[in-house]
C-alpha atoms as a PDB file:
ATOM      1  CA  ASP A   1     -21.591  24.726  17.113  1.00  0.00           C
ATOM      2  CA  GLY A   2     -18.263  22.877  16.996  1.00  0.00           C
ATOM      3  CA  VAL A   3     -16.587  20.499  14.617  1.00  0.00           C
ATOM      4  CA  PRO A   4     -18.662  18.064  12.533  1.00  0.00           C
ATOM      5  CA  GLY A   5     -18.709  14.526  13.917  1.00  0.00           C
ATOM      6  CA  GLN A   6     -17.940  12.728  10.665  1.00  0.00           C
ATOM      7  CA  ALA A   7     -14.458  12.547   9.213  1.00  0.00           C
ATOM      8  CA  VAL A   8     -13.956  12.354   5.479  1.00  0.00           C
ATOM      9  CA  VAL A   9     -12.016   9.223   4.561  1.00  0.00           C
ATOM     10  CA  ALA A  10      -9.709   9.627   1.593  1.00  0.00           C
ATOM     11  CA  PRO A  11      -9.475   6.767  -0.894  1.00  0.00           C
ATOM     12  CA  PRO A  12      -6.340   4.597  -0.669  1.00  0.00           C
ATOM     13  CA  VAL A  13      -3.325   5.868  -2.613  1.00  0.00           C
ATOM     14  CA  VAL A  14      -0.631   3.638  -4.119  1.00  0.00           C
ATOM     15  CA  LYS A  15       2.542   5.306  -5.426  1.00  0.00           C
ATOM     16  CA  TRP A  16       5.465   3.664  -7.218  1.00  0.00           C
ATOM     17  CA  MET A  17       9.020   4.990  -6.964  1.00  0.00           C
ATOM     18  CA  PRO A  18      11.155   3.057  -9.465  1.00  0.00           C
ATOM     19  CA  GLY A  19      14.829   2.346  -8.949  1.00  0.00           C
ATOM     20  CA  GLY A  20      17.145  -0.616  -8.389  1.00  0.00           C
ATOM     21  CA  VAL A  21      14.776  -1.602  -5.611  1.00  0.00           C
ATOM     22  CA  GLU A  22      11.281  -0.316  -6.312  1.00  0.00           C
ATOM     23  CA  ALA A  23       9.476   1.459  -3.513  1.00  0.00           C
ATOM     24  CA  LEU A  24       5.735   1.112  -3.126  1.00  0.00           C
ATOM     25  CA  GLU A  25       4.016   3.644  -0.867  1.00  0.00           C
ATOM     26  CA  VAL A  26       0.535   2.957   0.473  1.00  0.00           C
ATOM     27  CA  ARG A  27      -1.652   5.559   2.191  1.00  0.00           C
ATOM     28  CA  ALA A  28      -4.944   4.321   3.577  1.00  0.00           C
ATOM     29  CA  SER A  29      -7.202   4.168   6.603  1.00  0.00           C
ATOM     30  CA  ASP A  30      -5.657   1.919   9.245  1.00  0.00           C
ATOM     31  CA  ARG A  31      -7.266  -1.316  10.361  1.00  0.00           C
ATOM     32  CA  PRO A  32      -6.119  -4.588  11.910  1.00  0.00           C
ATOM     33  CA  GLY A  33      -4.436  -6.865   9.378  1.00  0.00           C
ATOM     34  CA  LEU A  34      -3.854  -4.231   6.678  1.00  0.00           C
ATOM     35  CA  LEU A  35      -0.050  -4.477   6.717  1.00  0.00           C
ATOM     36  CA  SER A  36      -0.243  -8.256   6.400  1.00  0.00           C
ATOM     37  CA  GLU A  37      -2.710  -8.088   3.502  1.00  0.00           C
ATOM     38  CA  VAL A  38      -0.574  -5.620   1.542  1.00  0.00           C
ATOM     39  CA  ALA A  39       2.527  -7.769   2.147  1.00  0.00           C
ATOM     40  CA  THR A  40       0.601 -10.813   0.911  1.00  0.00           C
ATOM     41  CA  VAL A  41      -0.365  -9.012  -2.320  1.00  0.00           C
ATOM     42  CA  ILE A  42       3.282  -8.116  -2.912  1.00  0.00           C
ATOM     43  CA  GLU A  43       4.520 -11.649  -2.260  1.00  0.00           C
ATOM     44  CA  ARG A  44       1.794 -13.318  -4.368  1.00  0.00           C
ATOM     45  CA  ASN A  45       2.882 -11.152  -7.290  1.00  0.00           C
ATOM     46  CA  GLY A  46       6.524 -12.213  -7.105  1.00  0.00           C
ATOM     47  CA  GLY A  47       7.843  -9.479  -4.836  1.00  0.00           C
ATOM     48  CA  SER A  48      10.319  -9.824  -1.989  1.00  0.00           C
ATOM     49  CA  ILE A  49      10.082  -7.101   0.638  1.00  0.00           C
ATOM     50  CA  ARG A  50      13.589  -5.882   1.489  1.00  0.00           C
ATOM     51  CA  TRP A  51      12.453  -3.380   4.104  1.00  0.00           C
ATOM     52  CA  ALA A  52       9.328  -1.527   5.137  1.00  0.00           C
ATOM     53  CA  ALA A  53       8.773   1.797   6.878  1.00  0.00           C
ATOM     54  CA  VAL A  54       5.450   1.755   8.686  1.00  0.00           C
ATOM     55  CA  THR A  55       3.898   4.979   9.950  1.00  0.00           C
ATOM     56  CA  THR A  56       0.505   5.546  11.536  1.00  0.00           C
ATOM     57  CA  LEU A  57      -0.847   9.080  11.856  1.00  0.00           C
ATOM     58  CA  GLY A  58      -4.132   8.974  13.734  1.00  0.00           C
ATOM     59  CA  GLY A  59      -6.270   6.570  11.745  1.00  0.00           C
ATOM     60  CA  THR A  60      -4.138   6.737   8.586  1.00  0.00           C
ATOM     61  CA  VAL A  61      -1.184   4.583   7.575  1.00  0.00           C
ATOM     62  CA  ILE A  62       1.675   5.630   5.345  1.00  0.00           C
ATOM     63  CA  ASP A  63       3.561   2.425   4.640  1.00  0.00           C
ATOM     64  CA  THR A  64       6.533   2.260   2.278  1.00  0.00           C
ATOM     65  CA  PHE A  65       7.831  -1.083   1.039  1.00  0.00           C
ATOM     66  CA  ALA A  66      11.179  -1.543  -0.749  1.00  0.00           C
ATOM     67  CA  VAL A  67      10.591  -4.483  -3.069  1.00  0.00           C
ATOM     68  CA  THR A  68      12.607  -6.553  -5.502  1.00  0.00           C
ATOM     69  CA  TRP A  69      10.624  -8.521  -8.079  1.00  0.00           C
ATOM     70  CA  ASP A  70      11.104 -11.944  -9.644  1.00  0.00           C
ATOM     71  CA  SER A  71      11.003 -10.251 -13.063  1.00  0.00           C
ATOM     72  CA  PRO A  72      10.844  -6.638 -14.274  1.00  0.00           C
ATOM     73  CA  LEU A  73       7.488  -4.922 -13.849  1.00  0.00           C
ATOM     74  CA  ASP A  74       5.758  -3.630 -16.929  1.00  0.00           C
ATOM     75  CA  GLU A  75       2.953  -1.084 -16.760  1.00  0.00           C
ATOM     76  CA  ARG A  76       0.209  -3.750 -16.935  1.00  0.00           C
ATOM     77  CA  ARG A  77       1.652  -5.766 -14.048  1.00  0.00           C
ATOM     78  CA  ARG A  78       2.280  -2.622 -11.958  1.00  0.00           C
ATOM     79  CA  ASN A  79      -1.347  -1.514 -12.508  1.00  0.00           C
ATOM     80  CA  SER A  80      -2.637  -4.957 -11.540  1.00  0.00           C
ATOM     81  CA  ILE A  81      -0.627  -4.930  -8.303  1.00  0.00           C
ATOM     82  CA  SER A  82      -1.811  -1.395  -7.542  1.00  0.00           C
ATOM     83  CA  GLU A  83      -5.443  -2.460  -7.979  1.00  0.00           C
ATOM     84  CA  GLN A  84      -4.945  -5.467  -5.702  1.00  0.00           C
ATOM     85  CA  VAL A  85      -3.349  -3.279  -3.018  1.00  0.00           C
ATOM     86  CA  ARG A  86      -6.180  -0.732  -3.286  1.00  0.00           C
ATOM     87  CA  ALA A  87      -8.725  -3.552  -2.967  1.00  0.00           C
ATOM     88  CA  ALA A  88      -6.943  -4.845   0.159  1.00  0.00           C
ATOM     89  CA  CYS A  89      -7.021  -1.331   1.612  1.00  0.00           C
ATOM     90  CA  ALA A  90     -10.729  -0.916   0.858  1.00  0.00           C
ATOM     91  CA  ARG A  91     -11.805  -4.095   2.688  1.00  0.00           C
ATOM     92  CA  ALA A  92     -13.370  -3.408   6.069  1.00  0.00           C
END
């Protein structure tokens, strides 16, 4: 009798697109302060945001950040940043 009342919330996704300026794409459920928290994670890890494309589709954000870093990112550092961004996205 109609559509179920509960929506399934997908876990946050963090994608890296390497290049001269690395792009970090974040897909997560939207909430107040999320953009600021992700930007803070980037800056605390030595990143400078050159530009950001912010998109909201319903209750989901797809935010892409072009970032330069104070030093090259190795796999360990990239994974640590990804975990911190996912943790910021998971906070209510």
